[in-house]
């Protein structure tokens, strides 16, 4: 069999394969927000923390600091102030970029480790490790 015939057979075999659009296996969670008077409540906060595989207190501390507001945490998170859906989701995306996604491979398979006074983000997929700031 010549090289051209082989390449032609390979091209035909490849074109007959089914094309699948593989979706990402991990999707950034979106907040479900309800404004009630002067308070903003994130209804699905426990689900967000579970999806991100982070302590709810760590996420809450970050959000309280970024939005410059106080609040409380339980199954839901409550902010003392009015905030829109996009504003909270934008801060959640920033949190994910800084404290969840690996800077090398981009996968969410990471965990925070503390060594002395420093915190590191360690990727379980590629083994990369980078320092992260304290919240």
N, C-alpha and C. Protein backbone atom coordinates (compact mmCIF):
# COMPACT_ATOMS: atom_id res chain seq x y z
N UNK A 1 0.86 -1.17 0.00
CA UNK A 1 0.00 0.00 0.00
C UNK A 1 0.91 1.23 0.00
N UNK A 2 0.57 2.16 -0.86
CA UNK A 2 1.39 3.38 -0.93
C UNK A 2 1.00 4.34 0.18
N UNK A 3 1.87 5.30 0.40
CA UNK A 3 1.61 6.29 1.46
C UNK A 3 0.37 7.12 1.14
N UNK A 4 0.16 7.49 -0.11
CA UNK A 4 -1.00 8.29 -0.49
C UNK A 4 -2.30 7.53 -0.27
N UNK A 5 -2.29 6.24 -0.59
CA UNK A 5 -3.49 5.43 -0.40
C UNK A 5 -3.79 5.30 1.09
N UNK A 6 -2.74 5.13 1.89
CA UNK A 6 -2.92 5.03 3.33
C UNK A 6 -3.50 6.33 3.90
N UNK A 7 -2.96 7.46 3.48
CA UNK A 7 -3.46 8.75 3.95
C UNK A 7 -4.90 8.99 3.52
N UNK A 8 -5.26 8.54 2.32
CA UNK A 8 -6.63 8.67 1.84
C UNK A 8 -7.58 7.82 2.70
N UNK A 9 -7.19 6.59 3.00
CA UNK A 9 -8.00 5.73 3.85
C UNK A 9 -8.14 6.33 5.25
N UNK A 10 -7.06 6.87 5.77
CA UNK A 10 -7.07 7.50 7.09
C UNK A 10 -8.02 8.71 7.11
N UNK A 11 -7.98 9.53 6.04
CA UNK A 11 -8.86 10.69 5.95
C UNK A 11 -10.32 10.27 5.89
N UNK A 12 -10.63 9.24 5.11
CA UNK A 12 -12.01 8.75 5.00
C UNK A 12 -12.50 8.19 6.32
N UNK A 13 -11.64 7.45 7.02
CA UNK A 13 -12.02 6.87 8.31
C UNK A 13 -12.29 7.99 9.32
N UNK A 14 -11.44 9.00 9.32
CA UNK A 14 -11.61 10.11 10.25
C UNK A 14 -12.89 10.89 9.96
N UNK A 15 -13.22 11.08 8.70
CA UNK A 15 -14.44 11.83 8.36
C UNK A 15 -15.70 11.06 8.70
N UNK A 16 -15.61 9.74 8.79
CA UNK A 16 -16.81 8.95 9.11
C UNK A 16 -17.03 8.81 10.62
N UNK A 17 -16.08 9.25 11.43
CA UNK A 17 -16.25 9.20 12.88
C UNK A 17 -17.31 10.19 13.32
N UNK A 18 -18.09 9.83 14.33
CA UNK A 18 -19.09 10.78 14.83
C UNK A 18 -18.41 11.95 15.54
N UNK A 19 -18.95 13.11 15.31
CA UNK A 19 -18.41 14.32 15.94
C UNK A 19 -19.23 14.62 17.17
N UNK A 20 -18.57 14.71 18.31
CA UNK A 20 -19.29 15.04 19.53
C UNK A 20 -18.71 16.34 20.08
N UNK A 21 -19.58 17.17 20.52
CA UNK A 21 -19.15 18.41 21.14
C UNK A 21 -19.13 18.16 22.64
N UNK A 22 -17.97 17.83 23.13
CA UNK A 22 -17.83 17.51 24.54
C UNK A 22 -17.96 18.78 25.38
N UNK A 23 -18.88 18.75 26.29
CA UNK A 23 -19.07 19.89 27.18
C UNK A 23 -18.03 19.81 28.29
N UNK A 24 -17.76 20.94 28.88
CA UNK A 24 -16.84 20.96 30.00
C UNK A 24 -17.41 20.10 31.12
N UNK A 25 -16.56 19.38 31.80
CA UNK A 25 -17.02 18.51 32.87
C UNK A 25 -17.31 19.30 34.13
N UNK A 26 -16.78 20.52 34.21
CA UNK A 26 -16.99 21.35 35.39
C UNK A 26 -17.52 22.70 34.93
N UNK A 27 -18.53 23.15 35.59
CA UNK A 27 -19.13 24.42 35.23
C UNK A 27 -19.15 25.34 36.45
N UNK A 28 -18.79 26.57 36.24
CA UNK A 28 -18.76 27.57 37.30
C UNK A 28 -20.19 27.77 37.82
N UNK A 29 -20.40 27.62 39.14
CA UNK A 29 -21.75 27.79 39.68
C UNK A 29 -22.20 29.24 39.65
N UNK A 30 -23.46 29.47 39.40
CA UNK A 30 -24.04 30.81 39.38
C UNK A 30 -24.87 30.98 40.65
N UNK A 31 -24.79 32.16 41.21
CA UNK A 31 -25.53 32.45 42.45
C UNK A 31 -27.00 32.70 42.15
N UNK A 32 -27.85 32.23 43.06
CA UNK A 32 -29.28 32.53 43.02
C UNK A 32 -29.49 33.58 44.11
N UNK A 33 -29.77 34.81 43.68
CA UNK A 33 -29.80 35.96 44.58
C UNK A 33 -31.22 36.47 44.78
N UNK A 34 -31.51 36.83 46.01
CA UNK A 34 -32.80 37.43 46.35
C UNK A 34 -32.53 38.67 47.20
N UNK A 35 -33.06 39.81 46.78
CA UNK A 35 -32.92 41.04 47.56
C UNK A 35 -34.18 41.19 48.40
N UNK A 36 -33.97 41.33 49.71
CA UNK A 36 -35.08 41.46 50.63
C UNK A 36 -34.82 42.66 51.53
N UNK A 37 -35.46 43.77 51.21
CA UNK A 37 -35.24 45.00 51.98
C UNK A 37 -33.83 45.50 51.78
N UNK A 38 -33.08 45.65 52.86
CA UNK A 38 -31.70 46.11 52.76
C UNK A 38 -30.71 44.95 52.82
N UNK A 39 -31.20 43.75 52.62
CA UNK A 39 -30.36 42.56 52.66
C UNK A 39 -30.37 41.85 51.31
N UNK A 40 -29.27 41.20 51.01
CA UNK A 40 -29.16 40.37 49.81
C UNK A 40 -28.85 38.96 50.27
N UNK A 41 -29.61 37.99 49.77
CA UNK A 41 -29.47 36.61 50.19
C UNK A 41 -29.05 35.76 48.99
N UNK A 42 -27.98 34.97 49.15
CA UNK A 42 -27.56 34.01 48.14
C UNK A 42 -28.13 32.67 48.56
N UNK A 43 -29.17 32.22 47.87
CA UNK A 43 -29.93 31.03 48.26
C UNK A 43 -29.16 29.72 48.12
N UNK A 44 -28.31 29.62 47.10
CA UNK A 44 -27.62 28.35 46.84
C UNK A 44 -26.16 28.39 47.28
N UNK A 45 -25.87 29.07 48.37
CA UNK A 45 -24.48 29.23 48.80
C UNK A 45 -23.82 27.92 49.19
N UNK A 46 -24.53 27.03 49.87
CA UNK A 46 -23.93 25.75 50.26
C UNK A 46 -23.60 24.90 49.03
N UNK A 47 -24.43 24.96 47.99
CA UNK A 47 -24.16 24.25 46.75
C UNK A 47 -22.93 24.82 46.05
N UNK A 48 -22.79 26.14 46.07
CA UNK A 48 -21.63 26.79 45.46
C UNK A 48 -20.36 26.33 46.16
N UNK A 49 -20.35 26.35 47.48
CA UNK A 49 -19.17 25.93 48.25
C UNK A 49 -18.83 24.47 47.98
N UNK A 50 -19.85 23.63 47.87
CA UNK A 50 -19.63 22.20 47.61
C UNK A 50 -19.06 22.00 46.20
N UNK A 51 -19.56 22.74 45.23
CA UNK A 51 -19.07 22.63 43.85
C UNK A 51 -17.63 23.10 43.74
N UNK A 52 -17.30 24.20 44.43
CA UNK A 52 -15.95 24.74 44.38
C UNK A 52 -14.97 23.96 45.25
N UNK A 53 -15.50 23.09 46.14
CA UNK A 53 -14.69 22.30 47.07
C UNK A 53 -13.84 23.21 47.97
N UNK A 54 -14.49 24.22 48.50
CA UNK A 54 -13.83 25.15 49.41
C UNK A 54 -14.69 25.33 50.65
N UNK A 55 -14.07 25.75 51.74
CA UNK A 55 -14.79 26.01 52.97
C UNK A 55 -15.73 27.20 52.76
N UNK A 56 -16.99 27.09 53.18
CA UNK A 56 -17.93 28.21 53.02
C UNK A 56 -17.42 29.49 53.69
N UNK A 57 -16.73 29.36 54.82
CA UNK A 57 -16.23 30.54 55.51
C UNK A 57 -15.17 31.26 54.69
N UNK A 58 -14.36 30.52 53.94
CA UNK A 58 -13.32 31.13 53.12
C UNK A 58 -13.95 31.94 51.98
N UNK A 59 -14.93 31.35 51.31
CA UNK A 59 -15.61 32.04 50.22
C UNK A 59 -16.33 33.27 50.76
N UNK A 60 -17.02 33.11 51.88
CA UNK A 60 -17.78 34.21 52.48
C UNK A 60 -16.85 35.35 52.89
N UNK A 61 -15.73 35.02 53.50
CA UNK A 61 -14.79 36.04 53.93
C UNK A 61 -14.28 36.84 52.73
N UNK A 62 -14.00 36.13 51.63
CA UNK A 62 -13.55 36.80 50.40
C UNK A 62 -14.63 37.73 49.87
N UNK A 63 -15.87 37.23 49.79
CA UNK A 63 -16.96 38.04 49.25
C UNK A 63 -17.27 39.24 50.14
N UNK A 64 -17.27 39.04 51.45
CA UNK A 64 -17.53 40.16 52.36
C UNK A 64 -16.46 41.23 52.19
N UNK A 65 -15.22 40.80 52.03
CA UNK A 65 -14.12 41.76 51.88
C UNK A 65 -14.20 42.48 50.54
N UNK A 66 -14.46 41.74 49.47
CA UNK A 66 -14.52 42.34 48.13
C UNK A 66 -15.69 43.30 47.98
N UNK A 67 -16.82 42.98 48.61
CA UNK A 67 -18.00 43.84 48.51
C UNK A 67 -18.02 44.89 49.63
N UNK A 68 -17.04 44.83 50.54
CA UNK A 68 -16.92 45.77 51.65
C UNK A 68 -18.23 45.85 52.45
N UNK A 69 -18.67 44.68 52.92
CA UNK A 69 -19.93 44.59 53.63
C UNK A 69 -19.84 43.46 54.66
N UNK A 70 -20.69 43.51 55.64
CA UNK A 70 -20.75 42.41 56.60
C UNK A 70 -21.91 41.50 56.24
N UNK A 71 -21.96 40.35 56.90
CA UNK A 71 -23.04 39.41 56.62
C UNK A 71 -22.92 38.18 57.47
N UNK A 72 -23.70 37.18 57.13
CA UNK A 72 -23.69 35.93 57.88
C UNK A 72 -23.73 34.75 56.91
N UNK A 73 -23.27 33.60 57.41
CA UNK A 73 -23.18 32.40 56.57
C UNK A 73 -23.86 31.23 57.26
N UNK A 74 -24.58 30.46 56.49
CA UNK A 74 -25.21 29.22 56.92
C UNK A 74 -25.41 28.41 55.66
N UNK A 75 -26.59 27.83 55.47
CA UNK A 75 -26.90 27.19 54.19
C UNK A 75 -27.05 28.26 53.11
N UNK A 76 -27.46 29.44 53.53
CA UNK A 76 -27.53 30.60 52.65
C UNK A 76 -26.55 31.64 53.17
N UNK A 77 -26.16 32.57 52.29
CA UNK A 77 -25.29 33.66 52.72
C UNK A 77 -26.09 34.95 52.63
N UNK A 78 -25.96 35.76 53.65
CA UNK A 78 -26.72 36.99 53.72
C UNK A 78 -25.78 38.19 53.82
N UNK A 79 -25.95 39.14 52.90
CA UNK A 79 -25.18 40.38 52.91
C UNK A 79 -26.02 41.49 53.50
N UNK A 80 -25.41 42.36 54.27
CA UNK A 80 -26.10 43.54 54.80
C UNK A 80 -25.97 44.66 53.76
N UNK A 81 -26.79 44.62 52.74
CA UNK A 81 -26.76 45.62 51.67
C UNK A 81 -27.42 45.05 50.44
N UNK A 82 -27.69 45.92 49.48
CA UNK A 82 -28.32 45.50 48.23
C UNK A 82 -27.25 45.31 47.16
N UNK A 83 -27.23 44.11 46.59
CA UNK A 83 -26.28 43.81 45.52
C UNK A 83 -27.01 43.05 44.43
N UNK A 84 -26.65 43.33 43.19
CA UNK A 84 -27.27 42.67 42.06
C UNK A 84 -26.66 41.31 41.77
N UNK A 85 -27.37 40.54 41.00
CA UNK A 85 -26.95 39.20 40.61
C UNK A 85 -25.59 39.23 39.91
N UNK A 86 -25.43 40.13 38.95
CA UNK A 86 -24.18 40.21 38.20
C UNK A 86 -23.00 40.60 39.07
N UNK A 87 -23.23 41.49 40.02
CA UNK A 87 -22.17 41.94 40.90
C UNK A 87 -21.64 40.77 41.75
N UNK A 88 -22.52 39.97 42.28
CA UNK A 88 -22.11 38.83 43.10
C UNK A 88 -21.47 37.75 42.23
N UNK A 89 -22.05 37.46 41.07
CA UNK A 89 -21.47 36.45 40.19
C UNK A 89 -20.09 36.85 39.68
N UNK A 90 -19.89 38.14 39.43
CA UNK A 90 -18.58 38.62 39.00
C UNK A 90 -17.53 38.39 40.09
N UNK A 91 -17.89 38.64 41.33
CA UNK A 91 -16.97 38.40 42.45
C UNK A 91 -16.70 36.90 42.64
N UNK A 92 -17.73 36.08 42.41
CA UNK A 92 -17.53 34.63 42.48
C UNK A 92 -16.56 34.16 41.40
N UNK A 93 -16.69 34.71 40.19
CA UNK A 93 -15.77 34.36 39.11
C UNK A 93 -14.34 34.75 39.47
N UNK A 94 -14.17 35.93 40.08
CA UNK A 94 -12.84 36.36 40.51
C UNK A 94 -12.28 35.40 41.55
N UNK A 95 -13.13 34.95 42.47
CA UNK A 95 -12.71 33.99 43.50
C UNK A 95 -12.23 32.69 42.84
N UNK A 96 -13.00 32.21 41.88
CA UNK A 96 -12.66 30.96 41.20
C UNK A 96 -11.32 31.10 40.48
N UNK A 97 -11.11 32.21 39.79
CA UNK A 97 -9.84 32.42 39.08
C UNK A 97 -8.66 32.45 40.04
N UNK A 98 -8.83 33.05 41.20
CA UNK A 98 -7.73 33.21 42.13
C UNK A 98 -7.51 32.01 43.05
N UNK A 99 -8.60 31.38 43.51
CA UNK A 99 -8.48 30.35 44.55
C UNK A 99 -8.92 28.95 44.14
N UNK A 100 -9.39 28.75 42.91
CA UNK A 100 -9.87 27.41 42.52
C UNK A 100 -9.16 26.88 41.28
N UNK A 101 -9.11 27.64 40.20
CA UNK A 101 -8.54 27.14 38.96
C UNK A 101 -7.01 27.14 38.99
N UNK A 102 -6.43 26.08 38.45
CA UNK A 102 -4.98 25.96 38.35
C UNK A 102 -4.47 26.94 37.30
N UNK A 103 -3.40 27.65 37.62
CA UNK A 103 -2.86 28.63 36.68
C UNK A 103 -2.09 27.96 35.54
N UNK A 104 -1.71 26.70 35.70
CA UNK A 104 -0.95 25.99 34.67
C UNK A 104 -1.87 25.25 33.69
N UNK A 105 -2.74 24.40 34.22
CA UNK A 105 -3.59 23.58 33.33
C UNK A 105 -5.02 24.07 33.23
N UNK A 106 -5.42 24.98 34.13
CA UNK A 106 -6.77 25.54 34.07
C UNK A 106 -7.86 24.66 34.64
N UNK A 107 -7.50 23.57 35.28
CA UNK A 107 -8.51 22.66 35.82
C UNK A 107 -8.87 23.05 37.26
N UNK A 108 -10.09 22.71 37.69
CA UNK A 108 -10.53 23.05 39.03
C UNK A 108 -10.14 22.02 40.10
N UNK A 109 -9.33 21.05 39.73
CA UNK A 109 -8.95 19.98 40.66
C UNK A 109 -7.81 20.44 41.58
N UNK A 110 -8.12 21.40 42.43
CA UNK A 110 -7.11 21.98 43.30
C UNK A 110 -7.58 21.97 44.75
N UNK A 111 -6.64 22.20 45.64
CA UNK A 111 -6.99 22.40 47.03
C UNK A 111 -5.99 23.37 47.65
N UNK A 112 -6.44 24.05 48.68
CA UNK A 112 -5.60 25.01 49.38
C UNK A 112 -4.85 24.29 50.49
N UNK A 113 -3.55 24.55 50.54
CA UNK A 113 -2.74 23.99 51.62
C UNK A 113 -2.04 25.14 52.33
N UNK A 114 -1.81 24.96 53.61
CA UNK A 114 -1.17 26.00 54.40
C UNK A 114 0.16 25.45 54.91
N UNK A 115 1.22 26.18 54.65
CA UNK A 115 2.55 25.81 55.11
C UNK A 115 3.11 26.99 55.89
N UNK A 116 3.13 26.85 57.17
CA UNK A 116 3.57 27.97 58.01
C UNK A 116 2.55 29.09 57.93
N UNK A 117 3.02 30.25 57.53
CA UNK A 117 2.12 31.40 57.40
C UNK A 117 1.62 31.60 55.97
N UNK A 118 2.08 30.76 55.05
CA UNK A 118 1.75 30.91 53.64
C UNK A 118 0.69 29.90 53.20
N UNK A 119 -0.12 30.31 52.23
CA UNK A 119 -1.12 29.42 51.63
C UNK A 119 -0.73 29.17 50.18
N UNK A 120 -0.93 27.93 49.73
CA UNK A 120 -0.62 27.56 48.37
C UNK A 120 -1.83 26.89 47.74
N UNK A 121 -1.95 27.04 46.43
CA UNK A 121 -2.97 26.34 45.65
C UNK A 121 -2.25 25.20 44.97
N UNK A 122 -2.61 23.97 45.30
CA UNK A 122 -1.96 22.79 44.73
C UNK A 122 -2.93 22.08 43.81
N UNK A 123 -2.47 21.84 42.58
CA UNK A 123 -3.29 21.17 41.58
C UNK A 123 -3.11 19.67 41.69
N UNK A 124 -4.22 18.95 41.76
CA UNK A 124 -4.19 17.50 41.83
C UNK A 124 -4.01 16.88 40.45
N UNK A 125 -4.31 17.65 39.39
CA UNK A 125 -4.22 17.13 38.03
C UNK A 125 -2.80 17.18 37.49
N UNK A 126 -2.13 18.34 37.61
CA UNK A 126 -0.81 18.49 37.01
C UNK A 126 0.31 18.63 38.05
N UNK A 127 -0.04 18.80 39.32
CA UNK A 127 0.97 18.91 40.37
C UNK A 127 1.53 20.31 40.57
N UNK A 128 1.04 21.29 39.83
CA UNK A 128 1.53 22.66 39.97
C UNK A 128 1.17 23.20 41.35
N UNK A 129 1.97 24.14 41.79
CA UNK A 129 1.74 24.75 43.10
C UNK A 129 2.09 26.22 43.00
N UNK A 130 1.19 27.06 43.48
CA UNK A 130 1.47 28.51 43.46
C UNK A 130 0.93 29.14 44.73
N UNK A 131 1.60 30.21 45.18
CA UNK A 131 1.12 30.89 46.39
C UNK A 131 -0.14 31.69 46.10
N UNK A 132 -1.02 31.79 47.08
CA UNK A 132 -2.21 32.63 46.99
C UNK A 132 -2.23 33.55 48.18
N UNK A 133 -2.87 34.68 48.01
CA UNK A 133 -2.91 35.66 49.10
C UNK A 133 -3.88 35.21 50.20
N UNK A 134 -3.64 35.74 51.36
CA UNK A 134 -4.55 35.47 52.47
C UNK A 134 -5.79 36.31 52.31
N UNK A 135 -6.91 35.79 52.75
CA UNK A 135 -8.17 36.53 52.64
C UNK A 135 -8.40 37.28 53.92
